[in-house]
Amino acid sequence: MSDTVSKLWKPEYQIRHFLDPCQRFIYAISDDDAYTATKRDIAGGGVFSESGTAGSVVRGINRKQMNLLPRWAGWLNELRNASFQLLGLMSEQRVLYSPEFSLYYPSLVQALLSQENLKSMEHRHVTQLVKQFIEPMLLHCPSPLYHSHVAPIITPTLEHLYRRISSSWAPLLISSGPEAVLAKQTVKALSSQNCVLFARSSTNVTDDWFDAYYARGGLFVGDLDSITSEAMVEKVRLDLTRVLADMLMSSFALKGEWALVLANIYKEEQARKQNEPSLLNSAPNMSLNTSDVRVNADGTERNHNQNDYEIRQLSRIKAMGNFLLQEDEKIAGPIVLFVISGLSYPDGYTCRRCIKLCHRVIETCVPDERFTELLGKRMFEAAIKSIVLEPKWMVGIEWDMIALVRDIYCRLVLGQSFMAAAQGAGQQQPHDTNGRQFIQSKNVSNPLLGGGILCSPSDFPRQVLVSLPGVTVVDIKNLEENLNENRSSKAQKDVLRDLLRVAADNVKIAGFAGEGTQDKEESILHEKIVKALIPNLPEKLVIRSQEIGDNNLSEESSGMPSIFD
């Protein structure tokens, strides 16, 4: 069913149907999609209220009327989503992994994830595919079947998603010049006014055609107004990017069910170290708990066999992290490239999650020299650029990004290891007998405990810093001396911030910073050097009315006898 519906979106069928004034609306969004894109309050009456969007996609016609045009898109969308949800249920209940289904599995992969179908899907369709099917499959597939069942699904999907998302964000990353004007035209959704011209000009479907298709999210908005159309394109772009980031977060146990497993294990370790069994009964944000019932880290009650369940889940968490980043370059490559690109996307939600994913990638891959150029140059460069350019959307994320810079530099250059997510003070690894390499960290085989380091120091991070305007070799030497002298988290991040502030000031002087940069008052880099806007109050506050009142009082009292006379 999914394959049949997906074929309608192939370019040759789109071109044919867009020429027909009625058939074109099978590709249109629904009035409900348009309403959610405007972020209006449902309490205001919904789609069919006076301020609603009913009849805006097909002008003057809504789905309550006896007309098929506004209903086609909803029907096809529900058919597609129903097939994805059914596959998700089959994955959660392990039907897909049964021996009886093994004969049909290759044909399922071919029908669902053929390159023709993937390339022609809209953003909203791919979002549902990832959310409804691929993420549940990653979380419920038995670890011995990762190569036979997960790899055929995830390999083409990740490769395609990276290309699709990169093409979708590319026009927005062009900040100035004539190219920026042309780029803004490519992110406009297809409408009834220009769909015929689009169909007639689409004589040759090439990679450029698909890049433009992904830039607008593949959307056809019918007769919708331009403002709502723009909001709709932005919504599908953000939804697709965020759902991929969330899928990776769940797969690396950074959120969701697997993250709770790690939190429970950490909670039990703390109770054992402190010899305090009452911690096992305490819920979050509760100082006192008199109940004898053991609870999870999120406050929910534990099951009687949950310890055994968490041991099995921990084994799957480790196996999944190794499978995604270590065993197949075709899987690891798109993941690493996506999280690096996500550091530059102007979306705080995506950037925060990509920073956490970057930490997990570093903890897992930094000992492998195949990743040195990706981590030490491309990832480090993206993080530095996001800090130094000081864009508005980075407000509130700067310290997280500086922590990522610290994690990369100290592991790849100075031989310092950390706990997970670069928490705590750096642990300096000693040199070997030759004095040229560092001895590997004891946690190198366990990224969940912080991972390892790069034994052979890399110059890639140094080269990135020296390329910054205003930063010299002497500054780099002083930076490394300070990072080695004081390895606490706060001290190291402060030293890095001071260096990056010099680069940020020189970037602005040179005119490299684009529009929408932070003011000094809101910039983390200039936090210590900006003077307070309100001057210090005097030790004794005397206001003008008091001065006048005191003078009058002294004049009056000079002519009046005191009661003590």
Protein backbone atom coordinates (compact mmCIF):
# COMPACT_ATOMS: atom_id res chain seq x y z
CA MET A 1 0.00 0.00 0.00
CA SER A 2 2.81 2.39 0.91
CA ASP A 3 4.61 1.61 -2.34
CA THR A 4 1.47 2.27 -4.40
CA VAL A 5 0.82 5.64 -2.75
CA SER A 6 4.50 6.65 -2.97
CA LYS A 7 4.56 6.09 -6.73
CA LEU A 8 2.10 8.96 -7.19
CA TRP A 9 4.83 11.34 -6.00
CA LYS A 10 7.37 10.33 -8.63
CA PRO A 11 8.41 13.34 -10.75
CA GLU A 12 6.83 12.04 -13.97
CA TYR A 13 3.42 11.73 -12.27
CA GLN A 14 3.73 15.08 -10.51
CA ILE A 15 4.51 16.85 -13.78
CA ARG A 16 1.49 15.25 -15.45
CA HIS A 17 -0.98 15.93 -12.63
CA PHE A 18 0.08 19.54 -11.99
CA LEU A 19 -1.12 20.42 -15.49
CA ASP A 20 -4.69 19.42 -14.55
CA PRO A 21 -6.63 22.00 -12.46
CA CYS A 22 -8.25 19.28 -10.34
CA GLN A 23 -5.74 16.44 -10.19
CA ARG A 24 -3.03 18.73 -8.84
CA PHE A 25 -4.77 18.82 -5.45
CA ILE A 26 -3.86 15.22 -4.64
CA TYR A 27 -0.45 16.69 -3.71
CA ALA A 28 -1.85 19.58 -1.68
CA ILE A 29 -1.62 19.96 2.07
CA SER A 30 -4.82 19.91 4.10
CA ASP A 31 -6.53 22.84 5.79
CA ASP A 32 -5.53 21.29 9.14
CA ASP A 33 -1.85 21.31 8.13
CA ALA A 34 -2.13 24.97 7.24
CA TYR A 35 -3.78 25.72 10.58
CA THR A 36 -1.05 24.00 12.64
CA ALA A 37 1.66 25.82 10.65
CA THR A 38 0.28 29.18 11.81
CA LYS A 39 0.58 28.07 15.48
CA ARG A 40 -2.83 29.39 16.31
CA ASP A 41 -4.61 28.59 19.54
CA ILE A 42 -7.12 25.75 19.16
CA ALA A 43 -9.30 27.45 21.76
CA GLY A 44 -9.96 30.14 19.18
CA GLY A 45 -12.34 27.83 17.30
CA GLY A 46 -10.07 25.64 15.20
CA VAL A 47 -9.93 25.21 11.44
CA PHE A 48 -13.56 26.14 10.82
CA SER A 49 -13.63 29.30 12.94
CA GLU A 50 -13.62 32.79 11.48
CA SER A 51 -9.85 32.97 11.82
CA GLY A 52 -9.37 29.36 10.71
CA THR A 53 -7.92 28.05 7.46
CA ALA A 54 -10.90 26.06 6.13
CA GLY A 55 -11.24 26.69 2.41
CA SER A 56 -7.81 28.29 2.07
CA VAL A 57 -5.98 25.48 0.24
CA VAL A 58 -8.78 24.91 -2.29
CA ARG A 59 -10.20 28.40 -2.44
CA GLY A 60 -13.75 28.57 -1.10
CA ILE A 61 -14.11 24.79 -0.63
CA ASN A 62 -13.53 22.83 2.57
CA ARG A 63 -13.85 19.15 3.45
CA LYS A 64 -17.32 19.56 4.97
CA GLN A 65 -18.72 20.25 1.53
CA MET A 66 -19.59 17.56 -0.99
CA ASN A 67 -16.42 18.01 -3.00
CA LEU A 68 -13.48 15.62 -3.38
CA LEU A 69 -10.77 18.21 -4.00
CA PRO A 70 -10.04 19.13 -0.34
CA ARG A 71 -10.36 15.47 0.75
CA TRP A 72 -7.88 13.74 -1.56
CA ALA A 73 -4.77 14.93 0.24
CA GLY A 74 -6.09 13.83 3.64
CA TRP A 75 -7.05 10.38 2.40
CA LEU A 76 -3.70 9.69 0.78
CA ASN A 77 -1.87 11.01 3.81
CA GLU A 78 -3.84 8.74 6.15
CA LEU A 79 -3.21 5.73 3.90
CA ARG A 80 0.52 6.37 4.01
CA ASN A 81 0.60 6.99 7.77
CA ALA A 82 -1.48 3.87 8.44
CA SER A 83 1.09 1.71 6.66
CA PHE A 84 3.95 3.31 8.63
CA GLN A 85 2.10 2.82 11.92
CA LEU A 86 1.39 -0.81 11.08
CA LEU A 87 5.08 -1.41 10.39
CA GLY A 88 5.93 0.30 13.67
CA LEU A 89 3.59 -2.02 15.57
CA MET A 90 5.07 -5.04 13.79
CA SER A 91 8.49 -3.87 14.91
CA GLU A 92 7.52 -3.23 18.53
CA GLN A 93 5.82 -6.63 18.78
CA ARG A 94 8.77 -8.28 16.96
CA VAL A 95 6.72 -9.66 14.11
CA LEU A 96 9.29 -8.37 11.60
CA TYR A 97 12.02 -10.46 13.22
CA SER A 98 10.17 -13.78 13.30
CA PRO A 99 11.43 -16.66 11.12
CA GLU A 100 8.05 -16.81 9.37
CA PHE A 101 8.45 -13.25 8.08
CA SER A 102 12.07 -13.58 6.95
CA LEU A 103 11.07 -14.53 3.39
CA TYR A 104 9.07 -11.32 2.96
CA TYR A 105 11.54 -8.95 4.59
CA PRO A 106 13.71 -8.20 1.50
CA SER A 107 10.64 -7.32 -0.57
CA LEU A 108 9.43 -5.05 2.25
CA VAL A 109 12.73 -3.18 2.25
CA GLN A 110 12.69 -2.83 -1.52
CA ALA A 111 9.11 -1.57 -1.68
CA LEU A 112 9.41 0.84 1.25
CA LEU A 113 12.90 2.26 0.80
CA SER A 114 13.68 2.16 -2.89
CA GLN A 115 15.65 5.22 -3.94
CA GLU A 116 12.89 6.32 -6.32
CA ASN A 117 10.30 6.34 -3.54
CA LEU A 118 12.59 7.99 -0.98
CA LYS A 119 13.71 10.75 -3.32
CA SER A 120 10.18 11.69 -4.36
CA MET A 121 8.64 11.81 -0.87
CA GLU A 122 7.79 15.13 0.73
CA HIS A 123 9.39 16.16 4.01
CA ARG A 124 6.20 15.43 5.95
CA HIS A 125 6.09 11.86 4.58
CA VAL A 126 9.71 11.14 5.52
CA THR A 127 9.10 12.61 8.97
CA GLN A 128 6.31 10.11 9.59
CA LEU A 129 8.41 7.25 8.23
CA VAL A 130 11.20 8.00 10.71
CA LYS A 131 8.90 8.65 13.65
CA GLN A 132 6.41 5.83 13.14
CA PHE A 133 8.64 3.02 11.87
CA ILE A 134 12.42 3.51 11.85
CA GLU A 135 12.81 4.81 15.42
CA PRO A 136 10.69 1.99 16.96
CA MET A 137 12.67 -0.51 14.92
CA LEU A 138 16.00 0.74 16.25
CA LEU A 139 14.76 0.51 19.83
CA HIS A 140 13.09 -2.92 19.63
CA CYS A 141 15.19 -4.96 17.22
CA PRO A 142 17.24 -7.70 18.99
CA SER A 143 20.95 -6.89 18.84
CA PRO A 144 21.93 -10.11 16.97
CA LEU A 145 19.71 -8.97 14.08
CA TYR A 146 21.18 -5.49 13.64
CA HIS A 147 23.14 -6.42 10.52
CA SER A 148 20.42 -8.53 8.91
CA HIS A 149 17.38 -6.36 9.68
CA VAL A 150 18.41 -2.86 10.78
CA ALA A 151 21.27 -2.27 8.33
CA PRO A 152 19.16 -2.72 5.14
CA ILE A 153 16.68 -0.15 6.51
CA ILE A 154 18.95 2.39 8.14
CA THR A 155 21.75 2.56 5.55
CA PRO A 156 19.75 4.01 2.62
CA THR A 157 17.58 6.07 4.96
CA LEU A 158 20.45 7.88 6.70
CA GLU A 159 22.27 8.53 3.45
CA HIS A 160 19.13 10.01 1.91
CA LEU A 161 18.18 12.01 5.01
CA TYR A 162 21.56 13.70 5.17
CA ARG A 163 21.32 14.76 1.53
CA ARG A 164 17.67 15.87 1.90
CA ILE A 165 18.21 17.91 5.07
CA SER A 166 21.40 19.51 3.72
CA SER A 167 19.55 20.63 0.57
CA SER A 168 16.67 21.92 2.67
CA TRP A 169 18.87 24.14 4.87
CA ALA A 170 21.39 25.18 2.21
CA PRO A 171 19.46 28.25 0.92
CA LEU A 172 19.09 29.60 4.47
CA LEU A 173 22.80 29.37 5.22
CA ILE A 174 23.62 31.89 2.45
CA SER A 175 23.66 35.15 4.37
CA SER A 176 24.41 37.84 1.78
CA GLY A 177 25.02 38.64 -1.87
CA PRO A 178 22.96 37.97 -5.00
CA GLU A 179 23.01 34.25 -4.24
CA ALA A 180 21.03 34.90 -1.07
CA VAL A 181 18.25 36.57 -3.09
CA LEU A 182 18.04 33.60 -5.46
CA ALA A 183 18.16 31.17 -2.56
CA LYS A 184 15.12 32.77 -0.94
CA GLN A 185 13.11 32.08 -4.09
CA THR A 186 13.85 28.35 -3.90
CA VAL A 187 12.28 27.96 -0.44
CA LYS A 188 8.86 29.18 -1.59
CA ALA A 189 6.22 26.46 -1.75
CA LEU A 190 4.61 25.51 -5.03
CA SER A 191 1.16 27.07 -5.44
CA SER A 192 -1.72 26.99 -7.93
CA GLN A 193 -0.34 30.10 -9.61
CA ASN A 194 3.03 28.67 -10.57
CA CYS A 195 2.50 24.89 -10.68
CA VAL A 196 1.73 24.84 -14.44
CA LEU A 197 4.91 26.77 -15.20
CA PHE A 198 6.81 24.40 -12.91
CA ALA A 199 5.43 21.33 -14.71
CA ARG A 200 6.24 22.66 -18.17
CA SER A 201 9.78 23.63 -17.18
CA SER A 202 10.52 20.24 -15.56
CA THR A 203 11.60 18.56 -18.76
CA ASN A 204 14.80 17.16 -17.24
CA VAL A 205 14.68 15.74 -13.70
CA THR A 206 18.25 16.01 -12.35
CA ASP A 207 19.86 16.40 -8.94
CA ASP A 208 19.26 20.16 -9.16
CA TRP A 209 15.54 19.46 -9.56
CA PHE A 210 15.53 17.42 -6.36
CA ASP A 211 17.61 20.05 -4.51
CA ALA A 212 14.94 22.65 -5.30
CA TYR A 213 12.26 20.11 -4.37
CA TYR A 214 13.83 19.54 -0.95
CA ALA A 215 14.40 23.28 -0.41
CA ARG A 216 10.62 23.84 -0.42
CA GLY A 217 9.95 20.61 1.44
CA GLY A 218 8.20 19.16 -1.62
CA LEU A 219 5.11 21.14 -0.68
CA PHE A 220 2.20 22.12 -2.90
CA VAL A 221 -0.02 24.56 -0.98
CA GLY A 222 -2.75 25.21 -3.55
CA ASP A 223 -4.38 28.61 -3.06
CA LEU A 224 -2.89 29.25 0.39
CA ASP A 225 -1.63 32.78 1.13
CA SER A 226 2.10 33.47 0.96
CA ILE A 227 2.62 34.06 4.71
CA THR A 228 1.05 30.77 5.74
CA SER A 229 2.87 29.01 2.90
CA GLU A 230 6.20 30.26 4.19
CA ALA A 231 5.30 29.11 7.71
CA MET A 232 4.38 25.69 6.34
CA VAL A 233 7.74 25.28 4.56
CA GLU A 234 9.58 26.26 7.73
CA LYS A 235 7.50 23.83 9.80
CA VAL A 236 8.18 20.76 7.64
CA ARG A 237 11.89 21.62 7.49
CA LEU A 238 12.14 21.88 11.27
CA ASP A 239 10.01 18.79 11.85
CA LEU A 240 12.19 16.61 9.62
CA THR A 241 15.46 17.87 11.13
CA ARG A 242 14.25 17.54 14.68
CA VAL A 243 12.77 14.07 14.24
CA LEU A 244 16.10 12.77 12.92
CA ALA A 245 17.95 14.37 15.84
CA ASP A 246 15.45 12.86 18.29
CA MET A 247 15.77 9.42 16.66
CA LEU A 248 19.55 9.54 17.10
CA MET A 249 19.18 10.80 20.68
CA SER A 250 16.96 7.82 21.52
CA SER A 251 19.30 5.39 19.76
CA PHE A 252 22.32 6.64 21.75
CA ALA A 253 20.37 6.54 25.06
CA LEU A 254 20.38 10.33 25.41
CA LYS A 255 16.59 10.52 25.81
CA GLY A 256 13.59 8.27 26.10
CA GLU A 257 13.35 4.73 27.47
CA TRP A 258 17.03 3.88 27.16
CA ALA A 259 18.10 7.11 28.88
CA LEU A 260 15.89 6.12 31.83
CA VAL A 261 17.72 2.78 32.00
CA LEU A 262 21.07 4.58 32.34
CA ALA A 263 19.61 6.98 34.91
CA ASN A 264 18.34 4.05 37.01
CA ILE A 265 21.72 2.30 36.88
CA TYR A 266 23.48 5.51 37.93
CA LYS A 267 20.99 5.96 40.77
CA GLU A 268 21.69 2.47 42.10
CA GLU A 269 25.44 3.05 41.90
CA GLN A 270 25.15 6.25 43.91
CA ALA A 271 23.04 4.50 46.56
CA ARG A 272 25.61 1.74 46.80
CA LYS A 273 28.60 4.11 47.00
CA GLN A 274 26.96 6.28 49.66
CA ASN A 275 25.58 3.25 51.50
CA GLU A 276 22.19 4.94 51.49
CA PRO A 277 19.39 2.51 50.45
CA SER A 278 16.77 5.23 50.91
CA LEU A 279 17.98 6.80 47.66
CA LEU A 280 16.41 3.88 45.82
CA ASN A 281 12.99 4.94 47.13
CA SER A 282 13.33 8.65 46.47
CA ALA A 283 11.70 10.33 43.51
CA PRO A 284 13.15 13.39 41.72
CA ASN A 285 12.83 16.75 43.51
CA MET A 286 11.76 15.05 46.78
CA SER A 287 13.83 15.62 49.90
CA LEU A 288 11.92 13.11 52.01
CA ASN A 289 10.30 9.83 51.04
CA THR A 290 8.97 7.50 53.71
CA SER A 291 7.65 4.93 51.26
CA ASP A 292 9.33 1.52 50.97
CA VAL A 293 8.44 1.23 47.28
CA ARG A 294 11.43 1.49 44.94
CA VAL A 295 10.98 4.01 42.16
CA ASN A 296 12.73 4.81 38.90
CA ALA A 297 14.77 7.92 38.30
CA ASP A 298 11.67 9.61 36.87
CA GLY A 299 9.53 8.80 39.93
CA THR A 300 7.52 5.91 38.47
CA GLU A 301 7.23 2.65 40.39
CA ARG A 302 9.64 -0.13 39.43
CA ASN A 303 8.49 -3.57 38.31
CA HIS A 304 9.56 -6.69 40.15
CA ASN A 305 11.75 -7.90 37.24
CA GLN A 306 13.07 -4.52 36.12
CA ASN A 307 16.67 -5.19 37.19
CA ASP A 308 16.96 -8.10 34.76
CA TYR A 309 15.26 -6.05 32.07
CA GLU A 310 17.71 -3.16 32.53
CA ILE A 311 20.71 -5.48 32.28
CA ARG A 312 19.48 -6.68 28.89
CA GLN A 313 18.72 -3.12 27.80
CA LEU A 314 22.19 -1.95 28.80
CA SER A 315 23.69 -4.63 26.60
CA ARG A 316 21.55 -3.45 23.67
CA ILE A 317 22.48 0.19 24.29
CA LYS A 318 26.16 -0.62 24.03
CA ALA A 319 25.61 -2.80 20.97
CA MET A 320 23.56 -0.11 19.21
CA GLY A 321 26.17 2.61 19.80
CA ASN A 322 28.89 0.35 18.46
CA PHE A 323 26.75 -0.69 15.48
CA LEU A 324 25.87 2.87 14.44
CA LEU A 325 29.37 4.36 14.75
CA GLN A 326 31.96 1.61 14.53
CA GLU A 327 30.90 -1.28 12.34
CA ASP A 328 29.85 0.28 9.02
CA GLU A 329 31.13 3.52 7.50
CA LYS A 330 27.99 3.81 5.35
CA ILE A 331 25.98 4.16 8.56
CA ALA A 332 28.46 6.15 10.66
CA GLY A 333 29.29 8.64 7.89
CA PRO A 334 25.83 10.24 7.46
CA ILE A 335 25.32 10.31 11.25
CA VAL A 336 28.57 12.16 11.94
CA LEU A 337 28.08 14.54 9.01
CA PHE A 338 24.52 15.34 10.13
CA VAL A 339 25.43 16.16 13.72
CA ILE A 340 28.29 18.36 12.47
CA SER A 341 25.98 20.22 10.09
CA GLY A 342 23.37 20.56 12.83
CA LEU A 343 25.75 22.79 14.80
CA SER A 344 25.27 25.48 12.12
CA TYR A 345 21.52 25.18 11.51
CA PRO A 346 19.70 28.25 12.89
CA ASP A 347 17.45 26.23 15.18
CA GLY A 348 18.19 26.09 18.90
CA TYR A 349 16.29 22.81 19.41
CA THR A 350 18.35 21.00 16.78
CA CYS A 351 21.63 22.60 17.84
CA ARG A 352 21.27 21.56 21.50
CA ARG A 353 20.62 17.95 20.50
CA CYS A 354 23.43 17.89 17.98
CA ILE A 355 25.85 19.11 20.67
CA LYS A 356 24.87 16.15 22.87
CA LEU A 357 25.18 13.81 19.90
CA CYS A 358 28.62 15.24 19.10
CA HIS A 359 29.78 14.39 22.62
CA ARG A 360 28.62 10.79 22.16
CA VAL A 361 30.32 10.58 18.77
CA ILE A 362 33.57 11.89 20.30
CA GLU A 363 33.40 9.46 23.22
CA THR A 364 32.90 6.55 20.83
CA CYS A 365 35.08 7.47 17.85
CA VAL A 366 37.95 9.64 19.05
CA PRO A 367 40.40 6.71 19.54
CA ASP A 368 39.86 5.71 15.90
CA GLU A 369 42.20 7.74 13.67
CA ARG A 370 39.77 7.41 10.75
CA PHE A 371 37.59 10.01 12.50
CA THR A 372 40.40 12.42 13.41
CA GLU A 373 39.88 14.75 10.43
CA LEU A 374 36.09 14.75 10.89
CA LEU A 375 36.30 15.52 14.61
CA GLY A 376 39.40 17.67 14.81
CA LYS A 377 38.75 19.78 11.74
CA ARG A 378 35.14 19.70 10.54
CA MET A 379 33.33 19.34 13.86
CA PHE A 380 35.75 21.66 15.69
CA GLU A 381 35.51 24.24 12.91
CA ALA A 382 31.69 24.17 12.94
CA ALA A 383 31.60 24.63 16.72
CA ILE A 384 34.12 27.49 16.65
CA LYS A 385 32.27 29.23 13.83
CA SER A 386 28.95 29.08 15.67
CA ILE A 387 30.53 30.70 18.74
CA VAL A 388 32.67 33.35 17.03
CA LEU A 389 29.97 34.63 14.65
CA GLU A 390 27.59 35.06 17.65
CA PRO A 391 24.27 34.61 15.82
CA LYS A 392 21.09 35.53 17.65
CA TRP A 393 19.75 31.97 17.65
CA MET A 394 22.80 30.86 19.68
CA VAL A 395 21.73 32.81 22.77
CA GLY A 396 21.56 30.38 25.69
CA ILE A 397 23.58 27.64 23.93
CA GLU A 398 27.04 29.24 24.05
CA TRP A 399 28.31 27.44 27.15
CA ASP A 400 27.20 24.09 25.74
CA MET A 401 29.09 24.84 22.53
CA ILE A 402 32.20 25.93 24.45
CA ALA A 403 32.02 22.65 26.39
CA LEU A 404 32.04 20.82 23.04
CA VAL A 405 35.10 22.82 21.94
CA ARG A 406 36.80 21.85 25.22
CA ASP A 407 35.90 18.18 24.72
CA ILE A 408 37.41 18.06 21.22
CA TYR A 409 40.56 20.06 21.96
CA CYS A 410 41.51 18.32 25.19
CA ARG A 411 40.92 14.80 23.88
CA LEU A 412 42.60 15.25 20.49
CA VAL A 413 45.48 17.55 21.45
CA LEU A 414 46.23 17.40 25.18
CA GLY A 415 45.44 13.78 26.04
CA GLN A 416 42.80 14.62 28.65
CA SER A 417 39.74 12.42 29.17
CA PHE A 418 36.41 13.33 30.76
CA MET A 419 33.24 11.79 32.03
CA ALA A 420 30.32 11.53 29.62
CA ALA A 421 29.35 14.84 27.91
CA ALA A 422 32.68 16.40 29.01
CA GLN A 423 31.50 16.76 32.59
CA GLY A 424 33.91 17.25 35.46
CA ALA A 425 37.62 17.99 35.48
CA GLY A 426 39.91 16.62 32.81
CA GLN A 427 41.96 13.54 33.63
CA GLN A 428 45.45 13.87 32.18
CA GLN A 429 46.70 10.67 30.57
CA PRO A 430 50.47 10.03 30.94
CA HIS A 431 52.87 9.72 28.00
CA ASP A 432 54.31 6.42 26.92
CA THR A 433 58.01 5.56 27.23
CA ASN A 434 58.85 7.39 24.00
CA GLY A 435 57.08 10.54 25.15
CA ARG A 436 55.33 10.97 21.79
CA GLN A 437 51.98 9.38 22.49
CA PHE A 438 49.51 9.29 25.37
CA ILE A 439 48.48 6.11 27.14
CA GLN A 440 44.85 5.31 26.36
CA SER A 441 42.14 5.92 28.97
CA LYS A 442 40.76 2.94 30.90
CA ASN A 443 37.22 3.80 29.69
CA VAL A 444 38.09 3.62 26.00
CA SER A 445 35.82 0.60 25.47
CA ASN A 446 32.90 2.15 27.36
CA PRO A 447 31.69 5.44 25.85
CA LEU A 448 28.90 5.61 28.43
CA LEU A 449 31.57 6.28 31.07
CA GLY A 450 33.39 8.91 29.01
CA GLY A 451 35.29 6.96 26.36
CA GLY A 452 38.93 7.45 25.46
CA ILE A 453 41.33 9.91 23.86
CA LEU A 454 43.42 10.21 20.72
CA CYS A 455 46.79 8.71 21.64
CA SER A 456 48.67 10.47 18.82
CA PRO A 457 48.02 14.23 19.30
CA SER A 458 46.42 15.94 16.32
CA ASP A 459 47.25 19.39 14.93
CA PHE A 460 43.85 19.87 13.27
CA PRO A 461 42.31 21.82 16.20
CA ARG A 462 45.42 24.00 16.45
CA GLN A 463 45.21 24.82 12.75
CA VAL A 464 41.59 25.84 13.12
CA LEU A 465 42.35 28.20 16.01
CA VAL A 466 45.39 29.76 14.30
CA SER A 467 43.24 30.49 11.23
CA LEU A 468 40.98 32.73 13.33
CA PRO A 469 41.57 36.48 12.92
CA GLY A 470 43.57 37.94 15.79
CA VAL A 471 44.75 34.57 17.15
CA THR A 472 48.49 33.84 17.04
CA VAL A 473 50.71 30.85 17.76
CA VAL A 474 51.67 32.44 21.07
CA ASP A 475 48.00 32.59 22.03
CA ILE A 476 47.65 28.87 21.30
CA LYS A 477 50.68 28.05 23.46
CA ASN A 478 49.30 30.13 26.33
CA LEU A 479 45.93 28.43 25.90
CA GLU A 480 47.45 24.96 26.20
CA GLU A 481 49.52 25.96 29.22
CA ASN A 482 46.40 27.20 30.98
CA LEU A 483 44.38 24.11 30.01
CA ASN A 484 47.10 21.86 31.41
CA GLU A 485 47.66 23.93 34.54
CA ASN A 486 44.01 24.04 35.66
CA ARG A 487 41.87 21.17 34.39
CA SER A 488 38.60 22.07 36.12
CA SER A 489 35.61 22.45 33.84
CA LYS A 490 34.92 26.11 34.68
CA ALA A 491 38.55 27.21 34.39
CA GLN A 492 39.08 25.53 31.04
CA LYS A 493 35.88 26.92 29.56
CA ASP A 494 36.75 30.43 30.78
CA VAL A 495 40.16 30.22 29.10
CA LEU A 496 38.59 29.08 25.83
CA ARG A 497 35.99 31.85 26.04
CA ASP A 498 38.68 34.52 26.48
CA LEU A 499 40.49 33.31 23.37
CA LEU A 500 37.30 33.10 21.29
CA ARG A 501 36.30 36.62 22.38
CA VAL A 502 39.44 37.97 20.69
CA ALA A 503 38.51 36.14 17.51
CA ALA A 504 34.88 37.33 17.66
CA ASP A 505 35.93 40.98 18.02
CA ASN A 506 38.30 40.71 15.05
CA VAL A 507 35.63 38.98 12.96
CA LYS A 508 33.30 41.93 13.52
CA ILE A 509 36.03 44.46 12.76
CA ALA A 510 36.84 42.64 9.51
CA GLY A 511 33.16 42.64 8.55
CA PHE A 512 32.83 38.85 8.38
CA ALA A 513 29.90 38.70 10.78
CA GLY A 514 26.52 38.64 9.08
CA GLU A 515 23.26 40.23 10.07
CA GLY A 516 21.48 39.20 13.26
CA THR A 517 24.51 38.97 15.55
CA GLN A 518 24.29 39.30 19.31
CA ASP A 519 24.77 42.58 21.14
CA LYS A 520 27.60 42.75 23.67
CA GLU A 521 25.07 42.91 26.50
CA GLU A 522 23.68 39.47 25.61
CA SER A 523 26.94 37.88 24.48
CA ILE A 524 28.53 35.23 26.67
CA LEU A 525 31.95 36.03 25.20
CA HIS A 526 31.78 39.61 26.51
CA GLU A 527 30.09 38.78 29.80
CA LYS A 528 33.00 39.82 32.04
CA ILE A 529 34.11 42.95 30.21
CA VAL A 530 30.77 44.70 29.67
CA LYS A 531 30.21 47.38 32.29
CA ALA A 532 26.97 47.52 34.20
CA LEU A 533 24.39 49.83 32.70
CA ILE A 534 23.28 51.02 36.17
CA PRO A 535 26.02 52.89 38.14
CA ASN A 536 26.82 51.85 41.68
CA LEU A 537 24.58 53.49 44.29
CA PRO A 538 26.25 55.79 46.85
CA GLU A 539 26.78 54.50 50.36
CA LYS A 540 24.14 56.93 51.66
CA LEU A 541 21.23 57.51 49.33
CA VAL A 542 19.98 61.10 49.45
CA ILE A 543 17.30 62.09 46.95
CA ARG A 544 16.56 65.64 45.80
CA SER A 545 13.29 65.99 47.71
CA GLN A 546 15.06 64.99 50.93
CA GLU A 547 17.68 67.68 50.44
CA ILE A 548 14.99 70.33 49.95
CA GLY A 549 12.96 69.04 52.90
CA ASP A 550 15.99 68.99 55.21
CA ASN A 551 16.90 72.60 54.33
CA ASN A 552 13.36 73.80 55.00
CA LEU A 553 13.23 71.90 58.24
CA SER A 554 16.51 73.40 59.47
CA GLU A 555 15.31 76.93 58.64
CA GLU A 556 12.04 76.41 60.49
CA SER A 557 13.66 74.75 63.49
CA SER A 558 16.14 77.62 63.94
CA GLY A 559 13.31 79.95 65.02
CA MET A 560 11.42 77.49 67.20
CA PRO A 561 12.28 76.58 70.79
CA SER A 562 13.12 72.99 71.50
CA ILE A 563 10.91 71.05 73.85
CA PHE A 564 14.04 70.21 75.84
CA ASP A 565 14.92 73.84 76.49
